[in-house]
Amino acid sequence: MALAQKIQTAWNKQAKWLILLRPLSCLYGCAFAFNKALYHSGVKKIYHAPVPVVVIGNITVGGSGKTPLLIQLVKYLQQHSVRVGVISRGYGGTGPFPKLVDTAATAKEVGDEPCLIVQRTGVPMAVGANRQAAIELLLQQYNLDLILSDDGLQHWALARQIEWVVLDQGRGLGNEKLLPEGYLREPKSRLKEVTVIEHHPTPAATDYAMWLKVGKPYLLETHAMPVFDAKQKFHVVVGIGYPERFYNSLANIGVIHIQKHEFADHHDYNLNDFSFNDTLPIITTEKDAVKIQALLAQKLHSFVNPIWVLPVEAELSEPCYQLLQQQLQQLNIPIRS
């Protein structure tokens, strides 16, 4: 198991040995605060985009449900005639950057999450570590009212008008320590400055809440025609920040006989990852499926294991949409019926 994956597991279990990393956390905190101060004091330049920017991010490392939330917001805005675009760092992609993302883009080029976002929404999107360059490329091609930034909460070089932070209520803030002792990118006091969207495992009555609705599993290879049977045994292949959430989603549809194969977030899959020496079906997330599909397209190997994908969709409480409308009205962006 790679070091990063070991630390991720320790965070999820709140292992006591993490206290040994406290000196590094102190260094991280000082460096982070100093860098932030350089931007806020004007020493480092902040880019102000010509259209409003909404950052959808988190203060934790690992999965919080940010991508499903962003996809749902994009769909909502599209349905209400808001011309929305998306930017992302394109983590895991090789570029060259900045790069526009379309349905033909691969995870190797632009990263797994951008591929999934565009496949699910068709939204105009550009990726690259330089957010200014990504925005300028996007605006060269599209006339937009609003840009959503997929992550980038700590990217102080980009000015933003609205910040939404996803907080997983199941995972919480762990030991509430900064990296690497804990999985906080920023102190928890940062939550007082942003709109916090609480991610609950089931529908919740809190004001600003989201939860994931599990869809019907589908086959990654459409020519294979087995019937989905939740009672059979599965290989679970997962490379996301918080795999426990996926296991819970599987349990919700009756899949309990599983053999876990966990990989680091944004793992770049290869054929050896699927050498199971049996014909048991595989089940995975949509984010992982983007990269597995690329392996299938290479036709270097014929998978004997049927590969099922479990889709999820974010659902939001009504106050979330009401708040979004209010925030956009303040920016003179109308929500049309």
C-alpha atoms as a PDB file:
ATOM      1  CA  MET A   1       0.000   0.000   0.000  1.00  0.00           C
ATOM      2  CA  ALA A   2       1.363   3.413  -0.997  1.00  0.00           C
ATOM      3  CA  LEU A   3       2.211   5.932   1.718  1.00  0.00           C
ATOM      4  CA  ALA A   4      -0.559   8.300   0.655  1.00  0.00           C
ATOM      5  CA  GLN A   5      -3.096   5.502   0.886  1.00  0.00           C
ATOM      6  CA  LYS A   6      -1.803   4.466   4.324  1.00  0.00           C
ATOM      7  CA  ILE A   7      -2.207   8.022   5.599  1.00  0.00           C
ATOM      8  CA  GLN A   8      -5.687   8.214   4.076  1.00  0.00           C
ATOM      9  CA  THR A   9      -6.646   5.043   5.939  1.00  0.00           C
ATOM     10  CA  ALA A  10      -5.166   6.429   9.158  1.00  0.00           C
ATOM     11  CA  TRP A  11      -7.197   9.630   8.763  1.00  0.00           C
ATOM     12  CA  ASN A  12     -10.405   7.669   8.278  1.00  0.00           C
ATOM     13  CA  LYS A  13      -9.658   5.623  11.404  1.00  0.00           C
ATOM     14  CA  GLN A  14      -8.248   8.628  13.316  1.00  0.00           C
ATOM     15  CA  ALA A  15      -5.171   6.570  14.189  1.00  0.00           C
ATOM     16  CA  LYS A  16      -3.290   7.720  17.280  1.00  0.00           C
ATOM     17  CA  TRP A  17       0.118   7.578  15.590  1.00  0.00           C
ATOM     18  CA  LEU A  18      -0.829  10.590  13.457  1.00  0.00           C
ATOM     19  CA  ILE A  19       0.283  12.805  16.359  1.00  0.00           C
ATOM     20  CA  LEU A  20       3.838  12.096  15.211  1.00  0.00           C
ATOM     21  CA  LEU A  21       3.087  14.267  12.176  1.00  0.00           C
ATOM     22  CA  ARG A  22       2.138  17.322  14.249  1.00  0.00           C
ATOM     23  CA  PRO A  23       5.412  19.205  13.584  1.00  0.00           C
ATOM     24  CA  LEU A  24       4.721  18.901   9.855  1.00  0.00           C
ATOM     25  CA  SER A  25       1.175  20.147  10.415  1.00  0.00           C
ATOM     26  CA  CYS A  26       2.555  23.222  12.182  1.00  0.00           C
ATOM     27  CA  LEU A  27       4.858  23.914   9.249  1.00  0.00           C
ATOM     28  CA  TYR A  28       1.991  23.440   6.810  1.00  0.00           C
ATOM     29  CA  GLY A  29      -0.233  25.798   8.801  1.00  0.00           C
ATOM     30  CA  CYS A  30       2.409  28.525   8.916  1.00  0.00           C
ATOM     31  CA  ALA A  31       3.227  28.232   5.224  1.00  0.00           C
ATOM     32  CA  PHE A  32      -0.469  28.229   4.314  1.00  0.00           C
ATOM     33  CA  ALA A  33      -1.237  31.325   6.408  1.00  0.00           C
ATOM     34  CA  PHE A  34       1.810  33.164   5.015  1.00  0.00           C
ATOM     35  CA  ASN A  35       0.856  32.420   1.419  1.00  0.00           C
ATOM     36  CA  LYS A  36      -2.744  33.519   2.024  1.00  0.00           C
ATOM     37  CA  ALA A  37      -1.504  36.768   3.592  1.00  0.00           C
ATOM     38  CA  LEU A  38       0.641  37.503   0.526  1.00  0.00           C
ATOM     39  CA  TYR A  39      -2.456  37.465  -1.656  1.00  0.00           C
ATOM     40  CA  HIS A  40      -4.689  39.401   0.721  1.00  0.00           C
ATOM     41  CA  SER A  41      -2.031  42.092   1.205  1.00  0.00           C
ATOM     42  CA  GLY A  42      -1.570  42.552  -2.537  1.00  0.00           C
ATOM     43  CA  VAL A  43       1.985  41.236  -2.684  1.00  0.00           C
ATOM     44  CA  LYS A  44       0.761  38.413  -4.924  1.00  0.00           C
ATOM     45  CA  LYS A  45      -1.658  39.185  -7.732  1.00  0.00           C
ATOM     46  CA  ILE A  46      -5.287  38.044  -7.615  1.00  0.00           C
ATOM     47  CA  TYR A  47      -7.085  37.462 -10.926  1.00  0.00           C
ATOM     48  CA  HIS A  48     -10.616  38.890 -11.219  1.00  0.00           C
ATOM     49  CA  ALA A  49     -12.551  37.146 -13.964  1.00  0.00           C
ATOM     50  CA  PRO A  50     -14.888  39.229 -16.170  1.00  0.00           C
ATOM     51  CA  VAL A  51     -17.830  37.041 -15.073  1.00  0.00           C
ATOM     52  CA  PRO A  52     -18.742  35.958 -11.523  1.00  0.00           C
ATOM     53  CA  VAL A  53     -17.048  32.857 -10.110  1.00  0.00           C
ATOM     54  CA  VAL A  54     -18.553  30.345  -7.692  1.00  0.00           C
ATOM     55  CA  VAL A  55     -16.118  27.992  -5.977  1.00  0.00           C
ATOM     56  CA  ILE A  56     -17.446  24.561  -5.014  1.00  0.00           C
ATOM     57  CA  GLY A  57     -14.834  23.132  -2.686  1.00  0.00           C
ATOM     58  CA  ASN A  58     -14.040  21.724   0.714  1.00  0.00           C
ATOM     59  CA  ILE A  59     -11.623  22.190   3.573  1.00  0.00           C
ATOM     60  CA  THR A  60     -10.857  18.474   3.763  1.00  0.00           C
ATOM     61  CA  VAL A  61      -8.782  16.110   1.666  1.00  0.00           C
ATOM     62  CA  GLY A  62     -10.630  13.223   0.112  1.00  0.00           C
ATOM     63  CA  GLY A  63     -14.194  12.657  -1.017  1.00  0.00           C
ATOM     64  CA  SER A  64     -16.910  14.890   0.358  1.00  0.00           C
ATOM     65  CA  GLY A  65     -19.481  14.709  -2.446  1.00  0.00           C
ATOM     66  CA  LYS A  66     -18.263  17.876  -4.160  1.00  0.00           C
ATOM     67  CA  THR A  67     -18.448  16.533  -7.712  1.00  0.00           C
ATOM     68  CA  PRO A  68     -22.066  15.243  -7.497  1.00  0.00           C
ATOM     69  CA  LEU A  69     -23.064  18.607  -6.005  1.00  0.00           C
ATOM     70  CA  LEU A  70     -21.385  20.520  -8.827  1.00  0.00           C
ATOM     71  CA  ILE A  71     -23.051  18.322 -11.448  1.00  0.00           C
ATOM     72  CA  GLN A  72     -26.459  18.932  -9.892  1.00  0.00           C
ATOM     73  CA  LEU A  73     -25.884  22.698  -9.741  1.00  0.00           C
ATOM     74  CA  VAL A  74     -24.829  22.732 -13.396  1.00  0.00           C
ATOM     75  CA  LYS A  75     -28.012  20.880 -14.378  1.00  0.00           C
ATOM     76  CA  TYR A  76     -30.151  23.249 -12.325  1.00  0.00           C
ATOM     77  CA  LEU A  77     -28.535  26.330 -13.855  1.00  0.00           C
ATOM     78  CA  GLN A  78     -28.844  24.914 -17.368  1.00  0.00           C
ATOM     79  CA  GLN A  79     -32.537  24.204 -16.787  1.00  0.00           C
ATOM     80  CA  HIS A  80     -32.999  27.839 -15.777  1.00  0.00           C
ATOM     81  CA  SER A  81     -31.202  29.265 -18.825  1.00  0.00           C
ATOM     82  CA  VAL A  82     -28.078  30.408 -16.983  1.00  0.00           C
ATOM     83  CA  ARG A  83     -25.092  30.176 -19.302  1.00  0.00           C
ATOM     84  CA  VAL A  84     -22.702  28.339 -17.005  1.00  0.00           C
ATOM     85  CA  GLY A  85     -19.177  27.046 -17.541  1.00  0.00           C
ATOM     86  CA  VAL A  86     -16.853  25.036 -15.324  1.00  0.00           C
ATOM     87  CA  ILE A  87     -13.126  25.153 -14.641  1.00  0.00           C
ATOM     88  CA  SER A  88     -11.010  22.593 -12.821  1.00  0.00           C
ATOM     89  CA  ARG A  89      -7.374  21.916 -12.109  1.00  0.00           C
ATOM     90  CA  GLY A  90      -7.608  18.671 -14.082  1.00  0.00           C
ATOM     91  CA  TYR A  91      -5.832  16.630 -11.433  1.00  0.00           C
ATOM     92  CA  GLY A  92      -4.225  13.519 -12.894  1.00  0.00           C
ATOM     93  CA  GLY A  93      -4.412  14.776 -16.457  1.00  0.00           C
ATOM     94  CA  THR A  94      -1.360  15.237 -18.656  1.00  0.00           C
ATOM     95  CA  GLY A  95      -2.637  18.169 -20.714  1.00  0.00           C
ATOM     96  CA  PRO A  96      -1.296  20.205 -22.404  1.00  0.00           C
ATOM     97  CA  PHE A  97      -3.016  22.872 -20.296  1.00  0.00           C
ATOM     98  CA  PRO A  98      -5.139  24.877 -20.376  1.00  0.00           C
ATOM     99  CA  LYS A  99      -7.379  22.513 -22.261  1.00  0.00           C
ATOM    100  CA  LEU A 100     -11.039  22.451 -23.201  1.00  0.00           C
ATOM    101  CA  VAL A 101     -12.925  19.331 -22.153  1.00  0.00           C
ATOM    102  CA  ASP A 102     -15.417  17.656 -24.452  1.00  0.00           C
ATOM    103  CA  THR A 103     -17.054  14.238 -24.505  1.00  0.00           C
ATOM    104  CA  ALA A 104     -14.113  12.834 -26.487  1.00  0.00           C
ATOM    105  CA  ALA A 105     -11.572  13.855 -23.819  1.00  0.00           C
ATOM    106  CA  THR A 106      -9.933  11.116 -21.777  1.00  0.00           C
ATOM    107  CA  ALA A 107      -9.153  10.994 -18.075  1.00  0.00           C
ATOM    108  CA  LYS A 108      -5.481  10.675 -18.982  1.00  0.00           C
ATOM    109  CA  GLU A 109      -5.638  14.042 -20.743  1.00  0.00           C
ATOM    110  CA  VAL A 110      -7.873  16.081 -18.433  1.00  0.00           C
ATOM    111  CA  GLY A 111      -8.464  14.048 -15.250  1.00  0.00           C
ATOM    112  CA  ASP A 112     -11.300  11.764 -14.210  1.00  0.00           C
ATOM    113  CA  GLU A 113     -13.666  14.273 -12.583  1.00  0.00           C
ATOM    114  CA  PRO A 114     -13.711  16.709 -15.547  1.00  0.00           C
ATOM    115  CA  CYS A 115     -14.535  13.791 -17.863  1.00  0.00           C
ATOM    116  CA  LEU A 116     -17.406  12.743 -15.627  1.00  0.00           C
ATOM    117  CA  ILE A 117     -18.755  16.296 -15.292  1.00  0.00           C
ATOM    118  CA  VAL A 118     -18.836  16.868 -19.054  1.00  0.00           C
ATOM    119  CA  GLN A 119     -20.251  13.422 -19.800  1.00  0.00           C
ATOM    120  CA  ARG A 120     -23.088  14.010 -17.342  1.00  0.00           C
ATOM    121  CA  THR A 121     -23.901  17.626 -18.280  1.00  0.00           C
ATOM    122  CA  GLY A 122     -22.285  18.653 -21.566  1.00  0.00           C
ATOM    123  CA  VAL A 123     -21.221  21.879 -19.831  1.00  0.00           C
ATOM    124  CA  PRO A 124     -18.489  24.069 -21.383  1.00  0.00           C
ATOM    125  CA  MET A 125     -15.373  23.264 -19.362  1.00  0.00           C
ATOM    126  CA  ALA A 126     -11.668  24.026 -19.299  1.00  0.00           C
ATOM    127  CA  VAL A 127      -8.960  22.570 -17.096  1.00  0.00           C
ATOM    128  CA  GLY A 128      -5.505  23.615 -15.959  1.00  0.00           C
ATOM    129  CA  ALA A 129      -3.584  24.496 -12.812  1.00  0.00           C
ATOM    130  CA  ASN A 130      -3.557  28.127 -13.968  1.00  0.00           C
ATOM    131  CA  ARG A 131      -7.211  29.026 -13.356  1.00  0.00           C
ATOM    132  CA  GLN A 132      -6.846  32.386 -15.100  1.00  0.00           C
ATOM    133  CA  ALA A 133      -5.649  30.693 -18.279  1.00  0.00           C
ATOM    134  CA  ALA A 134      -8.493  28.157 -18.043  1.00  0.00           C
ATOM    135  CA  ILE A 135     -11.103  30.901 -17.649  1.00  0.00           C
ATOM    136  CA  GLU A 136      -9.690  32.961 -20.507  1.00  0.00           C
ATOM    137  CA  LEU A 137      -9.681  29.910 -22.789  1.00  0.00           C
ATOM    138  CA  LEU A 138     -13.275  29.147 -21.814  1.00  0.00           C
ATOM    139  CA  LEU A 139     -14.441  32.720 -22.451  1.00  0.00           C
ATOM    140  CA  GLN A 140     -12.724  32.770 -25.840  1.00  0.00           C
ATOM    141  CA  GLN A 141     -15.048  29.973 -26.922  1.00  0.00           C
ATOM    142  CA  TYR A 142     -18.261  30.637 -24.971  1.00  0.00           C
ATOM    143  CA  ASN A 143     -20.416  33.565 -23.873  1.00  0.00           C
ATOM    144  CA  LEU A 144     -21.053  32.783 -20.194  1.00  0.00           C
ATOM    145  CA  ASP A 145     -22.987  34.319 -17.316  1.00  0.00           C
ATOM    146  CA  LEU A 146     -21.258  32.362 -14.574  1.00  0.00           C
ATOM    147  CA  ILE A 147     -18.288  30.076 -13.942  1.00  0.00           C
ATOM    148  CA  LEU A 148     -18.239  27.285 -11.385  1.00  0.00           C
ATOM    149  CA  SER A 149     -14.805  26.302 -10.096  1.00  0.00           C
ATOM    150  CA  ASP A 150     -14.527  22.601  -9.316  1.00  0.00           C
ATOM    151  CA  ASP A 151     -12.436  22.852  -6.143  1.00  0.00           C
ATOM    152  CA  GLY A 152      -9.952  25.713  -5.798  1.00  0.00           C
ATOM    153  CA  LEU A 153     -11.178  26.967  -2.425  1.00  0.00           C
ATOM    154  CA  GLN A 154      -7.552  27.441  -1.358  1.00  0.00           C
ATOM    155  CA  HIS A 155      -6.472  28.856  -4.741  1.00  0.00           C
ATOM    156  CA  TRP A 156      -6.116  32.456  -3.563  1.00  0.00           C
ATOM    157  CA  ALA A 157      -4.907  33.652  -6.969  1.00  0.00           C
ATOM    158  CA  LEU A 158      -8.520  33.446  -8.170  1.00  0.00           C
ATOM    159  CA  ALA A 159     -11.065  35.969  -6.907  1.00  0.00           C
ATOM    160  CA  ARG A 160     -14.523  34.557  -6.287  1.00  0.00           C
ATOM    161  CA  GLN A 161     -17.927  35.981  -5.450  1.00  0.00           C
ATOM    162  CA  ILE A 162     -19.487  32.882  -3.850  1.00  0.00           C
ATOM    163  CA  GLU A 163     -17.983  29.956  -1.938  1.00  0.00           C
ATOM    164  CA  TRP A 164     -19.866  26.728  -1.242  1.00  0.00           C
ATOM    165  CA  VAL A 165     -18.141  24.123   0.912  1.00  0.00           C
ATOM    166  CA  VAL A 166     -19.330  20.526   1.172  1.00  0.00           C
ATOM    167  CA  LEU A 167     -19.069  19.036   4.660  1.00  0.00           C
ATOM    168  CA  ASP A 168     -19.588  15.293   4.929  1.00  0.00           C
ATOM    169  CA  GLN A 169     -21.597  14.713   8.102  1.00  0.00           C
ATOM    170  CA  GLY A 170     -20.600  11.053   8.224  1.00  0.00           C
ATOM    171  CA  ARG A 171     -16.881  11.710   7.995  1.00  0.00           C
ATOM    172  CA  GLY A 172     -16.880  15.076   9.716  1.00  0.00           C
ATOM    173  CA  LEU A 173     -13.601  16.870  10.318  1.00  0.00           C
ATOM    174  CA  GLY A 174     -11.783  13.855  11.737  1.00  0.00           C
ATOM    175  CA  ASN A 175      -9.337  14.875  14.438  1.00  0.00           C
ATOM    176  CA  GLU A 176      -9.750  18.523  13.327  1.00  0.00           C
ATOM    177  CA  LYS A 177      -6.007  18.809  12.612  1.00  0.00           C
ATOM    178  CA  LEU A 178      -4.322  20.318   9.583  1.00  0.00           C
ATOM    179  CA  LEU A 179      -2.411  18.257   7.044  1.00  0.00           C
ATOM    180  CA  PRO A 180      -0.748  15.831   7.442  1.00  0.00           C
ATOM    181  CA  GLU A 181      -1.764  15.012  11.051  1.00  0.00           C
ATOM    182  CA  GLY A 182      -5.362  15.399   9.974  1.00  0.00           C
ATOM    183  CA  TYR A 183      -7.121  15.871   6.665  1.00  0.00           C
ATOM    184  CA  LEU A 184      -7.974  19.567   6.990  1.00  0.00           C
ATOM    185  CA  ARG A 185      -6.644  21.866   4.287  1.00  0.00           C
ATOM    186  CA  GLU A 186      -7.683  24.879   6.351  1.00  0.00           C
ATOM    187  CA  PRO A 187      -8.655  25.453  10.003  1.00  0.00           C
ATOM    188  CA  LYS A 188     -12.292  24.667  10.777  1.00  0.00           C
ATOM    189  CA  SER A 189     -12.851  28.389  11.491  1.00  0.00           C
ATOM    190  CA  ARG A 190     -12.915  28.827   7.691  1.00  0.00           C
ATOM    191  CA  LEU A 191     -16.415  27.344   7.695  1.00  0.00           C
ATOM    192  CA  LYS A 192     -17.707  30.581   9.237  1.00  0.00           C
ATOM    193  CA  GLU A 193     -16.814  32.465   6.039  1.00  0.00           C
ATOM    194  CA  VAL A 194     -18.550  30.242   3.485  1.00  0.00           C
ATOM    195  CA  THR A 195     -21.867  28.629   2.664  1.00  0.00           C
ATOM    196  CA  VAL A 196     -21.697  25.152   4.172  1.00  0.00           C
ATOM    197  CA  ILE A 197     -23.650  22.397   2.428  1.00  0.00           C
ATOM    198  CA  GLU A 198     -24.051  19.469   4.804  1.00  0.00           C
ATOM    199  CA  HIS A 199     -23.740  16.120   3.043  1.00  0.00           C
ATOM    200  CA  HIS A 200     -25.961  13.606   4.845  1.00  0.00           C
ATOM    201  CA  PRO A 201     -26.245   9.857   4.201  1.00  0.00           C
ATOM    202  CA  THR A 202     -30.049  10.170   3.919  1.00  0.00           C
ATOM    203  CA  PRO A 203     -32.483  13.044   3.220  1.00  0.00           C
ATOM    204  CA  ALA A 204     -32.135  15.629   5.976  1.00  0.00           C
ATOM    205  CA  ALA A 205     -34.238  18.474   7.327  1.00  0.00           C
ATOM    206  CA  THR A 206     -31.350  20.893   7.916  1.00  0.00           C
ATOM    207  CA  ASP A 207     -31.413  24.151   5.938  1.00  0.00           C
ATOM    208  CA  TYR A 208     -28.562  23.560   3.499  1.00  0.00           C
ATOM    209  CA  ALA A 209     -28.357  19.819   2.953  1.00  0.00           C
ATOM    210  CA  MET A 210     -27.515  17.366   0.210  1.00  0.00           C
ATOM    211  CA  TRP A 211     -27.631  13.602  -0.057  1.00  0.00           C
ATOM    212  CA  LEU A 212     -26.943  11.063  -2.779  1.00  0.00           C
ATOM    213  CA  LYS A 213     -29.658   9.173  -4.579  1.00  0.00           C
ATOM    214  CA  VAL A 214     -28.442   5.806  -5.809  1.00  0.00           C
ATOM    215  CA  GLY A 215     -29.408   4.966  -9.359  1.00  0.00           C
ATOM    216  CA  LYS A 216     -29.779   1.689 -11.217  1.00  0.00           C
ATOM    217  CA  PRO A 217     -26.491  -0.157 -11.892  1.00  0.00           C
ATOM    218  CA  TYR A 218     -25.541  -0.355 -15.543  1.00  0.00           C
ATOM    219  CA  LEU A 219     -22.959  -2.318 -17.508  1.00  0.00           C
ATOM    220  CA  LEU A 220     -19.828  -0.565 -18.686  1.00  0.00           C
ATOM    221  CA  GLU A 221     -19.684  -2.837 -21.729  1.00  0.00           C
ATOM    222  CA  THR A 222     -23.074  -2.641 -23.375  1.00  0.00           C
ATOM    223  CA  HIS A 223     -22.565  -5.794 -25.441  1.00  0.00           C
ATOM    224  CA  ALA A 224     -22.462  -7.900 -22.265  1.00  0.00           C
ATOM    225  CA  MET A 225     -25.951  -8.850 -21.169  1.00  0.00           C
ATOM    226  CA  PRO A 226     -25.939 -10.398 -17.665  1.00  0.00           C
ATOM    227  CA  VAL A 227     -28.736  -9.479 -15.276  1.00  0.00           C
ATOM    228  CA  PHE A 228     -27.756  -7.523 -12.180  1.00  0.00           C
ATOM    229  CA  ASP A 229     -28.161  -9.639  -9.057  1.00  0.00           C
ATOM    230  CA  ALA A 230     -27.436  -7.818  -5.803  1.00  0.00           C
ATOM    231  CA  LYS A 231     -27.148 -11.098  -3.913  1.00  0.00           C
ATOM    232  CA  GLN A 232     -24.143 -12.384  -5.835  1.00  0.00           C
ATOM    233  CA  LYS A 233     -20.526 -11.799  -4.910  1.00  0.00           C
ATOM    234  CA  PHE A 234     -18.730  -8.778  -6.355  1.00  0.00           C
ATOM    235  CA  HIS A 235     -15.233  -7.409  -6.688  1.00  0.00           C
ATOM    236  CA  VAL A 236     -15.551  -3.777  -5.597  1.00  0.00           C
ATOM    237  CA  VAL A 237     -12.963  -1.635  -7.388  1.00  0.00           C
ATOM    238  CA  VAL A 238     -12.781   1.852  -5.944  1.00  0.00           C
ATOM    239  CA  GLY A 239     -10.271   4.711  -6.168  1.00  0.00           C
ATOM    240  CA  ILE A 240     -11.947   7.630  -4.408  1.00  0.00           C
ATOM    241  CA  GLY A 241     -11.131   9.714  -1.354  1.00  0.00           C
ATOM    242  CA  TYR A 242     -13.693   8.153   0.988  1.00  0.00           C
ATOM    243  CA  PRO A 243     -14.594   4.618  -0.161  1.00  0.00           C
ATOM    244  CA  GLU A 244     -16.825   3.937   2.861  1.00  0.00           C
ATOM    245  CA  ARG A 245     -19.534   6.071   1.279  1.00  0.00           C
ATOM    246  CA  PHE A 246     -19.548   3.819  -1.786  1.00  0.00           C
ATOM    247  CA  TYR A 247     -19.766   0.696   0.357  1.00  0.00           C
ATOM    248  CA  ASN A 248     -22.765   2.209   2.113  1.00  0.00           C
ATOM    249  CA  SER A 249     -24.409   2.931  -1.233  1.00  0.00           C
ATOM    250  CA  LEU A 250     -23.864  -0.689  -2.253  1.00  0.00           C
ATOM    251  CA  ALA A 251     -25.404  -1.905   1.003  1.00  0.00           C
ATOM    252  CA  ASN A 252     -28.429   0.298   0.335  1.00  0.00           C
ATOM    253  CA  ILE A 253     -29.187  -1.673  -2.839  1.00  0.00           C
ATOM    254  CA  GLY A 254     -28.516  -5.028  -1.171  1.00  0.00           C
ATOM    255  CA  VAL A 255     -24.930  -5.655  -2.300  1.00  0.00           C
ATOM    256  CA  ILE A 256     -23.186  -7.056   0.784  1.00  0.00           C
ATOM    257  CA  HIS A 257     -21.025  -9.933  -0.478  1.00  0.00           C
ATOM    258  CA  ILE A 258     -18.012  -7.976  -1.634  1.00  0.00           C
ATOM    259  CA  GLN A 259     -14.265  -8.263  -1.971  1.00  0.00           C
ATOM    260  CA  LYS A 260     -12.724  -4.815  -1.649  1.00  0.00           C
ATOM    261  CA  HIS A 261      -9.983  -3.540  -3.940  1.00  0.00           C
ATOM    262  CA  GLU A 262      -9.137  -0.024  -2.751  1.00  0.00           C
ATOM    263  CA  PHE A 263      -6.839   2.323  -4.624  1.00  0.00           C
ATOM    264  CA  ALA A 264      -5.717   5.887  -3.999  1.00  0.00           C
ATOM    265  CA  ASP A 265      -7.941   8.755  -5.112  1.00  0.00           C
ATOM    266  CA  HIS A 266      -7.548   9.443  -8.867  1.00  0.00           C
ATOM    267  CA  HIS A 267      -5.718   6.120  -9.311  1.00  0.00           C
ATOM    268  CA  ASP A 268      -4.494   5.485 -12.855  1.00  0.00           C
ATOM    269  CA  TYR A 269      -5.729   1.957 -13.519  1.00  0.00           C
ATOM    270  CA  ASN A 270      -3.822  -0.701 -15.429  1.00  0.00           C
ATOM    271  CA  LEU A 271      -4.681  -4.243 -16.455  1.00  0.00           C
ATOM    272  CA  ASN A 272      -2.905  -5.779 -13.465  1.00  0.00           C
ATOM    273  CA  ASP A 273      -5.444  -4.123 -11.181  1.00  0.00           C
ATOM    274  CA  PHE A 274      -8.070  -6.496 -12.591  1.00  0.00           C
ATOM    275  CA  SER A 275      -6.209  -9.807 -12.411  1.00  0.00           C
ATOM    276  CA  PHE A 276      -8.758 -11.592 -10.225  1.00  0.00           C
ATOM    277  CA  ASN A 277      -8.467 -15.090 -11.771  1.00  0.00           C
ATOM    278  CA  ASP A 278     -12.214 -15.599 -11.648  1.00  0.00           C
ATOM    279  CA  THR A 279     -15.330 -14.448 -13.471  1.00  0.00           C
ATOM    280  CA  LEU A 280     -17.080 -12.691 -10.578  1.00  0.00           C
ATOM    281  CA  PRO A 281     -18.628  -9.366 -11.590  1.00  0.00           C
ATOM    282  CA  ILE A 282     -16.925  -6.074 -10.792  1.00  0.00           C
ATOM    283  CA  ILE A 283     -18.793  -3.055  -9.471  1.00  0.00           C
ATOM    284  CA  THR A 284     -17.338   0.444  -9.340  1.00  0.00           C
ATOM    285  CA  THR A 285     -18.107   4.168  -9.213  1.00  0.00           C
ATOM    286  CA  GLU A 286     -18.801   6.415 -12.187  1.00  0.00           C
ATOM    287  CA  LYS A 287     -15.605   8.315 -11.465  1.00  0.00           C
ATOM    288  CA  ASP A 288     -13.556   5.098 -11.654  1.00  0.00           C
ATOM    289  CA  ALA A 289     -15.529   3.894 -14.664  1.00  0.00           C
ATOM    290  CA  VAL A 290     -14.240   6.837 -16.713  1.00  0.00           C
ATOM    291  CA  LYS A 291     -10.713   5.435 -16.465  1.00  0.00           C
ATOM    292  CA  ILE A 292     -11.695   1.768 -16.726  1.00  0.00           C
ATOM    293  CA  GLN A 293     -13.570   2.569 -19.930  1.00  0.00           C
ATOM    294  CA  ALA A 294     -10.320   3.910 -21.377  1.00  0.00           C
ATOM    295  CA  LEU A 295      -8.666   0.546 -20.669  1.00  0.00           C
ATOM    296  CA  LEU A 296     -11.488  -1.254 -22.437  1.00  0.00           C
ATOM    297  CA  ALA A 297     -11.135   1.061 -25.429  1.00  0.00           C
ATOM    298  CA  GLN A 298      -7.489   0.041 -25.847  1.00  0.00           C
ATOM    299  CA  LYS A 299      -8.667  -3.516 -26.570  1.00  0.00           C
ATOM    300  CA  LEU A 300      -5.442  -4.887 -25.105  1.00  0.00           C
ATOM    301  CA  HIS A 301      -7.321  -7.382 -23.029  1.00  0.00           C
ATOM    302  CA  SER A 302     -10.787  -8.875 -22.984  1.00  0.00           C
ATOM    303  CA  PHE A 303     -12.311  -8.550 -19.521  1.00  0.00           C
ATOM    304  CA  VAL A 304     -13.935 -11.793 -18.432  1.00  0.00           C
ATOM    305  CA  ASN A 305     -15.535 -10.073 -15.445  1.00  0.00           C
ATOM    306  CA  PRO A 306     -18.688  -8.063 -16.205  1.00  0.00           C
ATOM    307  CA  ILE A 307     -18.185  -4.489 -14.986  1.00  0.00           C
ATOM    308  CA  TRP A 308     -21.129  -2.787 -13.334  1.00  0.00           C
ATOM    309  CA  VAL A 309     -21.268   0.924 -12.549  1.00  0.00           C
ATOM    310  CA  LEU A 310     -23.335   2.335  -9.701  1.00  0.00           C
ATOM    311  CA  PRO A 311     -24.474   5.884 -10.518  1.00  0.00           C
ATOM    312  CA  VAL A 312     -25.370   8.419  -7.842  1.00  0.00           C
ATOM    313  CA  GLU A 313     -27.037  11.793  -8.125  1.00  0.00           C
ATOM    314  CA  ALA A 314     -27.001  14.626  -5.618  1.00  0.00           C
ATOM    315  CA  GLU A 315     -30.313  15.857  -4.267  1.00  0.00           C
ATOM    316  CA  LEU A 316     -30.484  19.200  -2.506  1.00  0.00           C
ATOM    317  CA  SER A 317     -32.874  20.640   0.030  1.00  0.00           C
ATOM    318  CA  GLU A 318     -35.068  23.465  -1.245  1.00  0.00           C
ATOM    319  CA  PRO A 319     -33.252  26.108   0.858  1.00  0.00           C
ATOM    320  CA  CYS A 320     -30.090  25.390  -1.164  1.00  0.00           C
ATOM    321  CA  TYR A 321     -31.800  26.462  -4.368  1.00  0.00           C
ATOM    322  CA  GLN A 322     -33.403  29.457  -2.671  1.00  0.00           C
ATOM    323  CA  LEU A 323     -30.009  30.577  -1.395  1.00  0.00           C
ATOM    324  CA  LEU A 324     -28.428  30.116  -4.827  1.00  0.00           C
ATOM    325  CA  GLN A 325     -31.138  32.249  -6.397  1.00  0.00           C
ATOM    326  CA  GLN A 326     -30.572  34.995  -3.826  1.00  0.00           C
ATOM    327  CA  GLN A 327     -26.802  34.927  -4.304  1.00  0.00           C
ATOM    328  CA  LEU A 328     -27.087  35.070  -8.083  1.00  0.00           C
ATOM    329  CA  GLN A 329     -29.634  37.888  -7.953  1.00  0.00           C
ATOM    330  CA  GLN A 330     -27.085  39.910  -5.985  1.00  0.00           C
ATOM    331  CA  LEU A 331     -24.731  39.350  -8.925  1.00  0.00           C
ATOM    332  CA  ASN A 332     -27.428  40.413 -11.421  1.00  0.00           C
ATOM    333  CA  ILE A 333     -27.715  36.906 -12.823  1.00  0.00           C
ATOM    334  CA  PRO A 334     -31.405  36.057 -13.261  1.00  0.00           C
ATOM    335  CA  ILE A 335     -32.751  32.550 -12.742  1.00  0.00           C
ATOM    336  CA  ARG A 336     -35.185  32.119 -15.625  1.00  0.00           C
ATOM    337  CA  SER A 337     -38.070  29.701 -15.512  1.00  0.00           C
END
